[in-house]
PDB file of N, CA and C in Angstrom:
ATOM      1  N   MET A   1      -3.248  14.840 -19.948  1.00  0.00           N
ATOM      2  CA  MET A   1      -4.558  14.422 -19.653  1.00  0.00           C
ATOM      3  C   MET A   1      -5.500  14.594 -18.858  1.00  0.00           C
ATOM      4  N   THR A   2      -6.384  14.533 -19.047  1.00  0.00           N
ATOM      5  CA  THR A   2      -7.279  15.066 -17.734  1.00  0.00           C
ATOM      6  C   THR A   2      -8.181  13.818 -17.866  1.00  0.00           C
ATOM      7  N   GLU A   3      -8.268  13.434 -16.351  1.00  0.00           N
ATOM      8  CA  GLU A   3      -8.918  12.112 -15.712  1.00  0.00           C
ATOM      9  C   GLU A   3     -10.325  12.179 -15.661  1.00  0.00           C
ATOM     10  N   HIS A   4     -11.191  11.942 -16.095  1.00  0.00           N
ATOM     11  CA  HIS A   4     -12.606  12.156 -16.009  1.00  0.00           C
ATOM     12  C   HIS A   4     -13.256  10.749 -15.123  1.00  0.00           C
ATOM     13  N   PHE A   5     -13.781  11.055 -14.141  1.00  0.00           N
ATOM     14  CA  PHE A   5     -14.767   9.703 -13.075  1.00  0.00           C
ATOM     15  C   PHE A   5     -16.171  10.154 -12.617  1.00  0.00           C
ATOM     16  N   GLN A   6     -16.872   8.985 -12.431  1.00  0.00           N
ATOM     17  CA  GLN A   6     -17.582   9.386 -12.633  1.00  0.00           C
ATOM     18  C   GLN A   6     -18.145   9.746 -10.853  1.00  0.00           C
ATOM     19  N   PRO A   7     -18.980  10.614 -10.053  1.00  0.00           N
ATOM     20  CA  PRO A   7     -19.355  10.578  -8.424  1.00  0.00           C
ATOM     21  C   PRO A   7     -19.336   9.194  -8.271  1.00  0.00           C
ATOM     22  N   GLY A   8     -18.415   8.948  -6.842  1.00  0.00           N
ATOM     23  CA  GLY A   8     -18.352   8.140  -6.101  1.00  0.00           C
ATOM     24  C   GLY A   8     -18.070   6.849  -7.180  1.00  0.00           C
ATOM     25  N   GLU A   9     -17.234   6.580  -7.720  1.00  0.00           N
ATOM     26  CA  GLU A   9     -16.271   5.938  -8.862  1.00  0.00           C
ATOM     27  C   GLU A   9     -15.259   5.499  -7.969  1.00  0.00           C
ATOM     28  N   THR A  10     -14.948   4.532  -7.905  1.00  0.00           N
ATOM     29  CA  THR A  10     -13.851   4.038  -6.867  1.00  0.00           C
ATOM     30  C   THR A  10     -12.562   3.823  -8.254  1.00  0.00           C
ATOM     31  N   ILE A  11     -11.113   4.423  -8.205  1.00  0.00           N
ATOM     32  CA  ILE A  11     -10.294   4.339  -8.969  1.00  0.00           C
ATOM     33  C   ILE A  11      -9.704   3.485  -8.613  1.00  0.00           C
ATOM     34  N   ALA A  12      -9.234   2.642  -9.324  1.00  0.00           N
ATOM     35  CA  ALA A  12      -8.493   1.270  -8.848  1.00  0.00           C
ATOM     36  C   ALA A  12      -7.166   1.272 -10.257  1.00  0.00           C
ATOM     37  N   PRO A  13      -5.748   0.611  -9.523  1.00  0.00           N
ATOM     38  CA  PRO A  13      -4.413   0.484 -10.458  1.00  0.00           C
ATOM     39  C   PRO A  13      -4.991  -0.636 -11.565  1.00  0.00           C
ATOM     40  N   SER A  14      -4.484  -0.143 -12.361  1.00  0.00           N
ATOM     41  CA  SER A  14      -4.478  -0.682 -13.458  1.00  0.00           C
ATOM     42  C   SER A  14      -3.896  -2.247 -13.666  1.00  0.00           C
ATOM     43  N   PRO A  15      -4.714  -3.674 -13.841  1.00  0.00           N
ATOM     44  CA  PRO A  15      -4.584  -4.898 -13.604  1.00  0.00           C
ATOM     45  C   PRO A  15      -3.374  -5.330 -14.138  1.00  0.00           C
ATOM     46  N   THR A  16      -2.668  -6.264 -13.410  1.00  0.00           N
ATOM     47  CA  THR A  16      -1.381  -7.088 -13.935  1.00  0.00           C
ATOM     48  C   THR A  16      -1.407  -8.062 -13.635  1.00  0.00           C
ATOM     49  N   ASN A  17      -0.676  -8.576 -14.791  1.00  0.00           N
ATOM     50  CA  ASN A  17      -0.426 -10.434 -14.676  1.00  0.00           C
ATOM     51  C   ASN A  17       1.066 -10.391 -14.378  1.00  0.00           C
ATOM     52  N   CYS A  18       1.209 -10.726 -12.583  1.00  0.00           N
ATOM     53  CA  CYS A  18       2.692 -10.759 -12.242  1.00  0.00           C
ATOM     54  C   CYS A  18       2.803 -11.841 -11.304  1.00  0.00           C
ATOM     55  N   THR A  19       3.894 -12.464 -10.879  1.00  0.00           N
ATOM     56  CA  THR A  19       3.527 -13.062  -9.816  1.00  0.00           C
ATOM     57  C   THR A  19       3.693 -12.723  -8.494  1.00  0.00           C
ATOM     58  N   PRO A  20       3.150 -14.072  -7.887  1.00  0.00           N
ATOM     59  CA  PRO A  20       3.237 -13.582  -6.559  1.00  0.00           C
ATOM     60  C   PRO A  20       4.266 -12.895  -5.245  1.00  0.00           C
ATOM     61  N   THR A  21       5.589 -13.117  -6.290  1.00  0.00           N
ATOM     62  CA  THR A  21       7.029 -12.549  -5.915  1.00  0.00           C
ATOM     63  C   THR A  21       6.923 -11.183  -6.348  1.00  0.00           C
ATOM     64  N   GLU A  22       6.508 -11.163  -7.541  1.00  0.00           N
ATOM     65  CA  GLU A  22       6.582  -9.694  -8.307  1.00  0.00           C
ATOM     66  C   GLU A  22       5.767  -8.830  -7.415  1.00  0.00           C
ATOM     67  N   GLN A  23       4.318  -9.435  -7.390  1.00  0.00           N
ATOM     68  CA  GLN A  23       3.862  -8.235  -6.125  1.00  0.00           C
ATOM     69  C   GLN A  23       4.000  -8.009  -5.062  1.00  0.00           C
ATOM     70  N   ARG A  24       4.512  -8.749  -3.985  1.00  0.00           N
ATOM     71  CA  ARG A  24       5.663  -8.919  -3.063  1.00  0.00           C
ATOM     72  C   ARG A  24       6.084  -7.663  -2.891  1.00  0.00           C
ATOM     73  N   ALA A  25       7.345  -7.450  -4.489  1.00  0.00           N
ATOM     74  CA  ALA A  25       8.110  -7.027  -4.704  1.00  0.00           C
ATOM     75  C   ALA A  25       7.685  -5.692  -4.666  1.00  0.00           C
ATOM     76  N   LYS A  26       6.543  -5.111  -5.595  1.00  0.00           N
ATOM     77  CA  LYS A  26       6.045  -4.120  -5.377  1.00  0.00           C
ATOM     78  C   LYS A  26       5.401  -3.321  -4.170  1.00  0.00           C
ATOM     79  N   ILE A  27       4.768  -4.081  -3.405  1.00  0.00           N
ATOM     80  CA  ILE A  27       4.148  -4.000  -2.282  1.00  0.00           C
ATOM     81  C   ILE A  27       5.372  -3.550  -1.277  1.00  0.00           C
ATOM     82  N   PHE A  28       6.184  -4.397  -1.227  1.00  0.00           N
ATOM     83  CA  PHE A  28       7.531  -4.029  -0.284  1.00  0.00           C
ATOM     84  C   PHE A  28       8.318  -2.485  -0.861  1.00  0.00           C
ATOM     85  N   ALA A  29       8.592  -2.181  -2.385  1.00  0.00           N
ATOM     86  CA  ALA A  29       8.734  -1.348  -2.395  1.00  0.00           C
ATOM     87  C   ALA A  29       8.175  -0.232  -2.283  1.00  0.00           C
ATOM     88  N   ALA A  30       6.765  -0.156  -2.357  1.00  0.00           N
ATOM     89  CA  ALA A  30       6.457   1.402  -2.096  1.00  0.00           C
ATOM     90  C   ALA A  30       6.496   1.203  -0.771  1.00  0.00           C
ATOM     91  N   LEU A  31       6.331   0.188  -0.053  1.00  0.00           N
ATOM     92  CA  LEU A  31       6.514   0.614   1.911  1.00  0.00           C
ATOM     93  C   LEU A  31       7.701   0.982   2.368  1.00  0.00           C
ATOM     94  N   SER A  32       8.784   1.213   1.503  1.00  0.00           N
ATOM     95  CA  SER A  32      10.288   1.194   2.252  1.00  0.00           C
ATOM     96  C   SER A  32      10.279   2.696   2.029  1.00  0.00           C
ATOM     97  N   ASP A  33       9.983   3.378   1.411  1.00  0.00           N
ATOM     98  CA  ASP A  33       9.702   5.041   1.792  1.00  0.00           C
ATOM     99  C   ASP A  33       9.264   5.064   3.057  1.00  0.00           C
ATOM    100  N   PRO A  34       9.380   6.143   4.360  1.00  0.00           N
ATOM    101  CA  PRO A  34       8.939   6.270   5.647  1.00  0.00           C
ATOM    102  C   PRO A  34       7.162   6.817   5.167  1.00  0.00           C
ATOM    103  N   THR A  35       7.470   7.723   4.472  1.00  0.00           N
ATOM    104  CA  THR A  35       6.153   8.627   4.204  1.00  0.00           C
ATOM    105  C   THR A  35       5.254   7.989   3.584  1.00  0.00           C
ATOM    106  N   ARG A  36       5.499   7.093   3.380  1.00  0.00           N
ATOM    107  CA  ARG A  36       4.257   6.323   2.168  1.00  0.00           C
ATOM    108  C   ARG A  36       4.255   5.418   3.343  1.00  0.00           C
ATOM    109  N   LEU A  37       5.033   4.880   4.474  1.00  0.00           N
ATOM    110  CA  LEU A  37       4.891   3.512   5.705  1.00  0.00           C
ATOM    111  C   LEU A  37       3.576   4.325   6.650  1.00  0.00           C
ATOM    112  N   ARG A  38       3.511   5.894   6.974  1.00  0.00           N
ATOM    113  CA  ARG A  38       3.508   6.672   7.354  1.00  0.00           C
ATOM    114  C   ARG A  38       1.957   6.613   6.900  1.00  0.00           C
ATOM    115  N   ILE A  39       1.553   6.854   6.216  1.00  0.00           N
ATOM    116  CA  ILE A  39       0.361   7.198   5.013  1.00  0.00           C
ATOM    117  C   ILE A  39      -0.129   5.487   5.513  1.00  0.00           C
ATOM    118  N   VAL A  40       0.363   4.724   5.123  1.00  0.00           N
ATOM    119  CA  VAL A  40      -0.514   3.263   5.594  1.00  0.00           C
ATOM    120  C   VAL A  40      -0.918   3.135   6.496  1.00  0.00           C
ATOM    121  N   GLU A  41      -0.207   3.035   7.511  1.00  0.00           N
ATOM    122  CA  GLU A  41      -0.170   3.466   9.044  1.00  0.00           C
ATOM    123  C   GLU A  41      -1.590   4.100   9.363  1.00  0.00           C
ATOM    124  N   LEU A  42      -1.750   5.396   8.676  1.00  0.00           N
ATOM    125  CA  LEU A  42      -2.680   6.307   9.257  1.00  0.00           C
ATOM    126  C   LEU A  42      -3.723   5.400   8.279  1.00  0.00           C
ATOM    127  N   LEU A  43      -4.330   5.076   7.539  1.00  0.00           N
ATOM    128  CA  LEU A  43      -5.433   4.125   6.723  1.00  0.00           C
ATOM    129  C   LEU A  43      -5.664   3.268   7.730  1.00  0.00           C
ATOM    130  N   ALA A  44      -5.007   2.689   8.072  1.00  0.00           N
ATOM    131  CA  ALA A  44      -4.933   1.309   8.965  1.00  0.00           C
ATOM    132  C   ALA A  44      -5.763   1.605  10.139  1.00  0.00           C
ATOM    133  N   GLU A  45      -5.175   2.964  10.430  1.00  0.00           N
ATOM    134  CA  GLU A  45      -6.288   3.120  11.883  1.00  0.00           C
ATOM    135  C   GLU A  45      -7.576   3.879  11.434  1.00  0.00           C
ATOM    136  N   LYS A  46      -7.951   4.054  10.207  1.00  0.00           N
ATOM    137  CA  LYS A  46      -9.029   4.975   9.972  1.00  0.00           C
ATOM    138  C   LYS A  46      -9.699   3.862   8.777  1.00  0.00           C
ATOM    139  N   SER A  47     -10.831   3.820   8.363  1.00  0.00           N
ATOM    140  CA  SER A  47     -11.788   3.170   7.131  1.00  0.00           C
ATOM    141  C   SER A  47     -11.215   4.286   5.814  1.00  0.00           C
ATOM    142  N   GLU A  48     -11.392   5.088   5.827  1.00  0.00           N
ATOM    143  CA  GLU A  48     -10.928   6.227   4.666  1.00  0.00           C
ATOM    144  C   GLU A  48     -10.461   7.294   4.974  1.00  0.00           C
ATOM    145  N   MET A  49     -10.040   8.360   4.273  1.00  0.00           N
ATOM    146  CA  MET A  49      -9.100   9.478   4.660  1.00  0.00           C
ATOM    147  C   MET A  49      -9.401  10.355   3.344  1.00  0.00           C
ATOM    148  N   SER A  50      -9.699  12.009   3.343  1.00  0.00           N
ATOM    149  CA  SER A  50      -9.322  12.349   2.180  1.00  0.00           C
ATOM    150  C   SER A  50      -7.757  12.596   1.816  1.00  0.00           C
ATOM    151  N   GLY A  51      -7.272  13.142   0.976  1.00  0.00           N
ATOM    152  CA  GLY A  51      -6.091  13.458   0.827  1.00  0.00           C
ATOM    153  C   GLY A  51      -5.870  14.716   1.209  1.00  0.00           C
ATOM    154  N   SER A  52      -6.223  15.527   1.213  1.00  0.00           N
ATOM    155  CA  SER A  52      -6.269  16.753   2.505  1.00  0.00           C
ATOM    156  C   SER A  52      -6.212  16.328   3.675  1.00  0.00           C
ATOM    157  N   GLU A  53      -6.716  15.394   4.178  1.00  0.00           N
ATOM    158  CA  GLU A  53      -6.378  15.018   5.635  1.00  0.00           C
ATOM    159  C   GLU A  53      -5.393  13.852   5.948  1.00  0.00           C
ATOM    160  N   ILE A  54      -5.097  13.344   5.278  1.00  0.00           N
ATOM    161  CA  ILE A  54      -3.555  12.592   5.050  1.00  0.00           C
ATOM    162  C   ILE A  54      -2.507  13.515   5.248  1.00  0.00           C
ATOM    163  N   ALA A  55      -2.103  14.760   3.924  1.00  0.00           N
ATOM    164  CA  ALA A  55      -1.867  15.296   3.938  1.00  0.00           C
ATOM    165  C   ALA A  55      -1.403  16.191   5.348  1.00  0.00           C
ATOM    166  N   ALA A  56      -2.466  16.571   5.736  1.00  0.00           N
ATOM    167  CA  ALA A  56      -2.071  17.352   7.275  1.00  0.00           C
ATOM    168  C   ALA A  56      -1.865  17.016   8.287  1.00  0.00           C
ATOM    169  N   GLN A  57      -2.266  15.647   8.352  1.00  0.00           N
ATOM    170  CA  GLN A  57      -1.726  14.626   9.695  1.00  0.00           C
ATOM    171  C   GLN A  57      -0.241  13.898   9.037  1.00  0.00           C
ATOM    172  N   SER A  58      -0.072  14.058   8.298  1.00  0.00           N
ATOM    173  CA  SER A  58       1.644  13.616   7.811  1.00  0.00           C
ATOM    174  C   SER A  58       2.736  14.213   7.863  1.00  0.00           C
ATOM    175  N   GLY A  59       2.065  15.728   7.738  1.00  0.00           N
ATOM    176  CA  GLY A  59       2.831  17.078   7.655  1.00  0.00           C
ATOM    177  C   GLY A  59       3.409  17.220   6.782  1.00  0.00           C
ATOM    178  N   ILE A  60       2.838  16.732   5.277  1.00  0.00           N
ATOM    179  CA  ILE A  60       3.403  16.900   3.630  1.00  0.00           C
ATOM    180  C   ILE A  60       2.444  17.721   3.609  1.00  0.00           C
ATOM    181  N   SER A  61       3.252  18.875   2.152  1.00  0.00           N
ATOM    182  CA  SER A  61       1.721  19.134   1.191  1.00  0.00           C
ATOM    183  C   SER A  61       1.237  18.085   0.319  1.00  0.00           C
ATOM    184  N   LEU A  62       0.027  18.536  -0.102  1.00  0.00           N
ATOM    185  CA  LEU A  62      -1.096  17.633  -0.723  1.00  0.00           C
ATOM    186  C   LEU A  62      -0.467  17.525  -2.145  1.00  0.00           C
ATOM    187  N   ALA A  63       0.566  18.058  -2.802  1.00  0.00           N
ATOM    188  CA  ALA A  63       1.622  17.619  -3.899  1.00  0.00           C
ATOM    189  C   ALA A  63       2.388  16.483  -3.405  1.00  0.00           C
ATOM    190  N   LEU A  64       3.061  16.325  -2.694  1.00  0.00           N
ATOM    191  CA  LEU A  64       3.893  15.730  -1.987  1.00  0.00           C
ATOM    192  C   LEU A  64       2.869  14.060  -1.747  1.00  0.00           C
ATOM    193  N   PHE A  65       1.815  14.276  -1.277  1.00  0.00           N
ATOM    194  CA  PHE A  65       0.661  13.561  -0.635  1.00  0.00           C
ATOM    195  C   PHE A  65       0.568  12.858  -2.301  1.00  0.00           C
ATOM    196  N   CYS A  66       0.084  13.778  -3.110  1.00  0.00           N
ATOM    197  CA  CYS A  66      -0.273  13.215  -4.643  1.00  0.00           C
ATOM    198  C   CYS A  66       1.076  12.115  -5.234  1.00  0.00           C
ATOM    199  N   HIS A  67       1.811  12.664  -5.184  1.00  0.00           N
ATOM    200  CA  HIS A  67       2.759  11.667  -5.365  1.00  0.00           C
ATOM    201  C   HIS A  67       3.260  10.423  -5.073  1.00  0.00           C
ATOM    202  N   HIS A  68       2.936  10.099  -3.625  1.00  0.00           N
ATOM    203  CA  HIS A  68       3.414   8.836  -2.699  1.00  0.00           C
ATOM    204  C   HIS A  68       1.871   8.117  -2.951  1.00  0.00           C
ATOM    205  N   SER A  69       0.510   8.518  -2.673  1.00  0.00           N
ATOM    206  CA  SER A  69      -0.101   8.434  -2.798  1.00  0.00           C
ATOM    207  C   SER A  69      -0.390   7.626  -4.824  1.00  0.00           C
ATOM    208  N   LYS A  70      -0.186   7.808  -5.263  1.00  0.00           N
ATOM    209  CA  LYS A  70       0.456   7.254  -6.937  1.00  0.00           C
ATOM    210  C   LYS A  70       1.018   6.022  -6.812  1.00  0.00           C
ATOM    211  N   MET A  71       1.851   6.174  -5.974  1.00  0.00           N
ATOM    212  CA  MET A  71       2.712   5.397  -5.983  1.00  0.00           C
ATOM    213  C   MET A  71       1.945   4.004  -5.373  1.00  0.00           C
ATOM    214  N   LEU A  72       1.333   4.234  -4.144  1.00  0.00           N
ATOM    215  CA  LEU A  72       0.565   3.159  -3.273  1.00  0.00           C
ATOM    216  C   LEU A  72      -0.533   2.387  -3.878  1.00  0.00           C
ATOM    217  N   ALA A  73      -0.725   3.585  -4.640  1.00  0.00           N
ATOM    218  CA  ALA A  73      -2.222   3.080  -5.856  1.00  0.00           C
ATOM    219  C   ALA A  73      -1.473   2.114  -6.735  1.00  0.00           C
ATOM    220  N   GLU A  74      -0.537   2.440  -7.771  1.00  0.00           N
ATOM    221  CA  GLU A  74       0.267   1.366  -8.430  1.00  0.00           C
ATOM    222  C   GLU A  74       0.427   0.324  -7.831  1.00  0.00           C
ATOM    223  N   ALA A  75       0.736   0.325  -6.584  1.00  0.00           N
ATOM    224  CA  ALA A  75       1.456  -1.257  -5.988  1.00  0.00           C
ATOM    225  C   ALA A  75       0.321  -1.889  -5.373  1.00  0.00           C
ATOM    226  N   GLY A  76      -1.291  -1.263  -5.614  1.00  0.00           N
ATOM    227  CA  GLY A  76      -2.480  -1.692  -4.690  1.00  0.00           C
ATOM    228  C   GLY A  76      -2.779  -1.782  -3.696  1.00  0.00           C
ATOM    229  N   ILE A  77      -1.690  -1.066  -3.155  1.00  0.00           N
ATOM    230  CA  ILE A  77      -1.963  -0.705  -1.294  1.00  0.00           C
ATOM    231  C   ILE A  77      -3.275  -0.257  -1.317  1.00  0.00           C
ATOM    232  N   ILE A  78      -3.299   1.183  -1.883  1.00  0.00           N
ATOM    233  CA  ILE A  78      -4.173   2.244  -1.857  1.00  0.00           C
ATOM    234  C   ILE A  78      -5.506   2.405  -2.724  1.00  0.00           C
ATOM    235  N   GLN A  79      -6.511   2.068  -2.183  1.00  0.00           N
ATOM    236  CA  GLN A  79      -8.057   2.044  -3.210  1.00  0.00           C
ATOM    237  C   GLN A  79      -8.277   4.088  -3.362  1.00  0.00           C
ATOM    238  N   VAL A  80      -8.568   4.294  -4.310  1.00  0.00           N
ATOM    239  CA  VAL A  80      -9.503   5.493  -4.417  1.00  0.00           C
ATOM    240  C   VAL A  80     -10.722   5.503  -4.871  1.00  0.00           C
ATOM    241  N   ARG A  81     -11.379   6.592  -4.049  1.00  0.00           N
ATOM    242  CA  ARG A  81     -12.569   6.876  -4.434  1.00  0.00           C
ATOM    243  C   ARG A  81     -12.963   8.368  -4.874  1.00  0.00           C
ATOM    244  N   ARG A  82     -13.672   8.498  -5.724  1.00  0.00           N
ATOM    245  CA  ARG A  82     -14.097  10.343  -6.174  1.00  0.00           C
ATOM    246  C   ARG A  82     -15.035  10.868  -5.744  1.00  0.00           C
ATOM    247  N   GLU A  83     -15.333  11.788  -5.159  1.00  0.00           N
ATOM    248  CA  GLU A  83     -16.810  12.070  -4.921  1.00  0.00           C
ATOM    249  C   GLU A  83     -16.751  13.709  -4.970  1.00  0.00           C
ATOM    250  N   GLY A  84     -17.660  13.935  -5.933  1.00  0.00           N
ATOM    251  CA  GLY A  84     -17.070  15.433  -6.027  1.00  0.00           C
ATOM    252  C   GLY A  84     -15.966  16.039  -6.655  1.00  0.00           C
ATOM    253  N   GLN A  85     -15.248  16.928  -6.075  1.00  0.00           N
ATOM    254  CA  GLN A  85     -14.078  17.372  -5.915  1.00  0.00           C
ATOM    255  C   GLN A  85     -12.909  16.420  -5.333  1.00  0.00           C
ATOM    256  N   THR A  86     -13.244  16.228  -4.298  1.00  0.00           N
ATOM    257  CA  THR A  86     -12.437  14.621  -3.001  1.00  0.00           C
ATOM    258  C   THR A  86     -12.532  13.689  -3.950  1.00  0.00           C
ATOM    259  N   LYS A  87     -11.022  13.421  -3.353  1.00  0.00           N
ATOM    260  CA  LYS A  87     -10.863  12.067  -3.672  1.00  0.00           C
ATOM    261  C   LYS A  87     -10.587  11.282  -1.981  1.00  0.00           C
ATOM    262  N   TYR A  88     -11.121  10.247  -1.706  1.00  0.00           N
ATOM    263  CA  TYR A  88     -10.766   9.212  -0.427  1.00  0.00           C
ATOM    264  C   TYR A  88     -10.287   8.471  -1.015  1.00  0.00           C
ATOM    265  N   ASN A  89      -9.108   7.957   0.224  1.00  0.00           N
ATOM    266  CA  ASN A  89      -8.248   6.788   0.286  1.00  0.00           C
ATOM    267  C   ASN A  89      -8.688   5.819   1.289  1.00  0.00           C
ATOM    268  N   SER A  90      -8.386   4.430   0.697  1.00  0.00           N
ATOM    269  CA  SER A  90      -8.859   3.463   2.069  1.00  0.00           C
ATOM    270  C   SER A  90      -7.572   2.162   1.559  1.00  0.00           C
ATOM    271  N   LEU A  91      -7.541   2.194   2.260  1.00  0.00           N
ATOM    272  CA  LEU A  91      -6.026   0.709   2.672  1.00  0.00           C
ATOM    273  C   LEU A  91      -7.069  -0.421   1.749  1.00  0.00           C
ATOM    274  N   ASN A  92      -6.201  -1.525   0.842  1.00  0.00           N
ATOM    275  CA  ASN A  92      -6.285  -2.281   0.220  1.00  0.00           C
ATOM    276  C   ASN A  92      -5.949  -3.529   1.342  1.00  0.00           C
ATOM    277  N   ARG A  93      -7.174  -3.894   2.506  1.00  0.00           N
ATOM    278  CA  ARG A  93      -6.513  -4.296   3.637  1.00  0.00           C
ATOM    279  C   ARG A  93      -6.323  -5.751   3.209  1.00  0.00           C
ATOM    280  N   GLU A  94      -7.094  -6.286   1.855  1.00  0.00           N
ATOM    281  CA  GLU A  94      -6.978  -7.897   1.251  1.00  0.00           C
ATOM    282  C   GLU A  94      -5.870  -7.970   1.254  1.00  0.00           C
ATOM    283  N   LEU A  95      -5.017  -6.665  -0.127  1.00  0.00           N
ATOM    284  CA  LEU A  95      -4.180  -7.381  -0.490  1.00  0.00           C
ATOM    285  C   LEU A  95      -2.837  -7.275   0.551  1.00  0.00           C
ATOM    286  N   LEU A  96      -2.926  -6.370   1.637  1.00  0.00           N
ATOM    287  CA  LEU A  96      -1.799  -6.766   2.434  1.00  0.00           C
ATOM    288  C   LEU A  96      -1.898  -7.928   2.751  1.00  0.00           C
ATOM    289  N   LEU A  97      -2.396  -8.275   4.146  1.00  0.00           N
ATOM    290  CA  LEU A  97      -3.224  -9.472   4.378  1.00  0.00           C
ATOM    291  C   LEU A  97      -2.347 -10.499   3.879  1.00  0.00           C
ATOM    292  N   SER A  98      -3.072 -11.065   2.582  1.00  0.00           N
ATOM    293  CA  SER A  98      -2.206 -11.539   1.537  1.00  0.00           C
ATOM    294  C   SER A  98      -0.935 -11.507   1.515  1.00  0.00           C
ATOM    295  N   CYS A  99      -0.499 -10.436   0.772  1.00  0.00           N
ATOM    296  CA  CYS A  99       1.344 -10.249   0.910  1.00  0.00           C
ATOM    297  C   CYS A  99       1.311 -10.851   1.865  1.00  0.00           C
ATOM    298  N   PHE A 100       1.487 -10.178   3.234  1.00  0.00           N
ATOM    299  CA  PHE A 100       2.511 -10.431   4.541  1.00  0.00           C
ATOM    300  C   PHE A 100       1.994 -11.869   4.835  1.00  0.00           C
ATOM    301  N   THR A 101       0.711 -12.863   5.078  1.00  0.00           N
ATOM    302  CA  THR A 101       0.407 -13.446   4.835  1.00  0.00           C
ATOM    303  C   THR A 101       1.523 -15.042   4.382  1.00  0.00           C
ATOM    304  N   SER A 102       1.485 -14.689   2.446  1.00  0.00           N
ATOM    305  CA  SER A 102       2.184 -15.717   2.079  1.00  0.00           C
ATOM    306  C   SER A 102       3.596 -15.096   2.411  1.00  0.00           C
ATOM    307  N   PHE A 103       4.056 -14.310   2.679  1.00  0.00           N
ATOM    308  CA  PHE A 103       5.546 -14.341   2.850  1.00  0.00           C
ATOM    309  C   PHE A 103       5.921 -14.568   4.121  1.00  0.00           C
ATOM    310  N   GLN A 104       5.136 -14.706   5.299  1.00  0.00           N
ATOM    311  CA  GLN A 104       5.000 -15.298   6.216  1.00  0.00           C
ATOM    312  C   GLN A 104       5.047 -16.968   6.666  1.00  0.00           C
ATOM    313  N   GLY A 105       4.577 -17.431   5.161  1.00  0.00           N
ATOM    314  CA  GLY A 105       4.402 -18.663   4.941  1.00  0.00           C
ATOM    315  C   GLY A 105       5.557 -19.375   4.848  1.00  0.00           C
ATOM    316  N   LEU A 106       6.184 -18.673   3.672  1.00  0.00           N
ATOM    317  CA  LEU A 106       7.455 -18.923   3.247  1.00  0.00           C
ATOM    318  C   LEU A 106       8.767 -19.078   4.238  1.00  0.00           C
ATOM    319  N   CYS A 107       8.696 -17.471   5.004  1.00  0.00           N
ATOM    320  CA  CYS A 107       9.858 -17.586   6.141  1.00  0.00           C
ATOM    321  C   CYS A 107       9.516 -19.251   7.402  1.00  0.00           C
ATOM    322  N   ALA A 108       8.007 -19.017   7.150  1.00  0.00           N
ATOM    323  CA  ALA A 108       7.826 -20.354   8.463  1.00  0.00           C
ATOM    324  C   ALA A 108       8.346 -22.048   8.060  1.00  0.00           C
ATOM    325  N   ALA A 109       7.898 -21.804   6.571  1.00  0.00           N
ATOM    326  CA  ALA A 109       8.662 -23.147   5.733  1.00  0.00           C
ATOM    327  C   ALA A 109       9.837 -23.123   5.930  1.00  0.00           C
ATOM    328  N   LYS A 110      10.627 -21.981   5.560  1.00  0.00           N
ATOM    329  CA  LYS A 110      12.426 -22.269   5.599  1.00  0.00           C
ATOM    330  C   LYS A 110      12.478 -22.515   6.726  1.00  0.00           C
ATOM    331  N   ALA A 111      11.742 -21.836   8.049  1.00  0.00           N
ATOM    332  CA  ALA A 111      12.326 -21.922   9.409  1.00  0.00           C
ATOM    333  C   ALA A 111      12.032 -23.429   9.781  1.00  0.00           C
ATOM    334  N   MET A 112      10.680 -24.342   9.635  1.00  0.00           N
ATOM    335  CA  MET A 112      10.848 -25.687   9.855  1.00  0.00           C
ATOM    336  C   MET A 112      11.518 -26.514   9.098  1.00  0.00           C
ATOM    337  N   SER A 113      12.454 -26.112   7.721  1.00  0.00           N
ATOM    338  CA  SER A 113      13.423 -26.947   7.087  1.00  0.00           C
ATOM    339  C   SER A 113      14.627 -27.153   7.712  1.00  0.00           C
ATOM    340  N   GLY A 114      14.684 -26.085   8.769  1.00  0.00           N
ATOM    341  CA  GLY A 114      16.233 -26.079   9.336  1.00  0.00           C
ATOM    342  C   GLY A 114      17.119 -25.638   8.303  1.00  0.00           C
ATOM    343  N   CYS A 115      16.947 -24.820   7.156  1.00  0.00           N
ATOM    344  CA  CYS A 115      17.628 -24.002   6.282  1.00  0.00           C
ATOM    345  C   CYS A 115      18.158 -22.553   6.971  1.00  0.00           C
ATOM    346  N   ASN A 116      17.777 -22.195   7.927  1.00  0.00           N
ATOM    347  CA  ASN A 116      18.384 -20.721   8.211  1.00  0.00           C
ATOM    348  C   ASN A 116      19.461 -21.180   9.256  1.00  0.00           C
ATOM    349  N   PRO A 117      20.348 -20.371   9.385  1.00  0.00           N
ATOM    350  CA  PRO A 117      21.942 -20.498  10.523  1.00  0.00           C
ATOM    351  C   PRO A 117      21.630 -20.027  11.013  1.00  0.00           C
ATOM    352  N   PRO A 118      21.871 -20.308  12.628  1.00  0.00           N
ATOM    353  CA  PRO A 118      21.886 -19.536  13.817  1.00  0.00           C
ATOM    354  C   PRO A 118      22.214 -18.004  13.613  1.00  0.00           C
ATOM    355  N   LEU A 119      21.559 -17.822  14.119  1.00  0.00           N
ATOM    356  CA  LEU A 119      21.830 -15.867  14.520  1.00  0.00           C
ATOM    357  C   LEU A 119      23.229 -15.544  14.750  1.00  0.00           C
ATOM    358  N   ILE A 120      23.412 -16.798  16.370  1.00  0.00           N
ATOM    359  CA  ILE A 120      24.186 -15.580  17.094  1.00  0.00           C
ATOM    360  C   ILE A 120      25.627 -17.724  17.220  1.00  0.00           C
ATOM    361  N   ALA A 121      26.990 -16.916  16.596  1.00  0.00           N
ATOM    362  CA  ALA A 121      27.710 -18.539  16.633  1.00  0.00           C
ATOM    363  C   ALA A 121      28.061 -18.405  18.054  1.00  0.00           C
ATOM    364  N   ASP A 122      28.167 -19.717  18.416  1.00  0.00           N
ATOM    365  CA  ASP A 122      28.976 -20.267  19.789  1.00  0.00           C
ATOM    366  C   ASP A 122      30.122 -19.685  20.101  1.00  0.00           C
TER     367      ASP A 122
END
């Protein structure tokens, strides 16, 4: 199947109806790979990078980057914009901030309710 995109078109993951917990699970699963995490860290430092720039700075082949970027895009972590023959990748910062903020809120609520056992036994 051949992809057809208009110049400057943003390629977004297909929308899914999932719970916040399911969305966090997708994000955490995508970030569990060191190479994908390194890609996200690179994009956190820049507003947008081409696939070949990311591959070169990550020390991986363009083919391997394409594999990892597909997984990151499916989780909604990166957004892809095509310009001519080049695909530019950017971080979906809103999604990541929402994910981490909601998870932090869950952790804080548990800590305040006294549900966490002490880390070190006396």
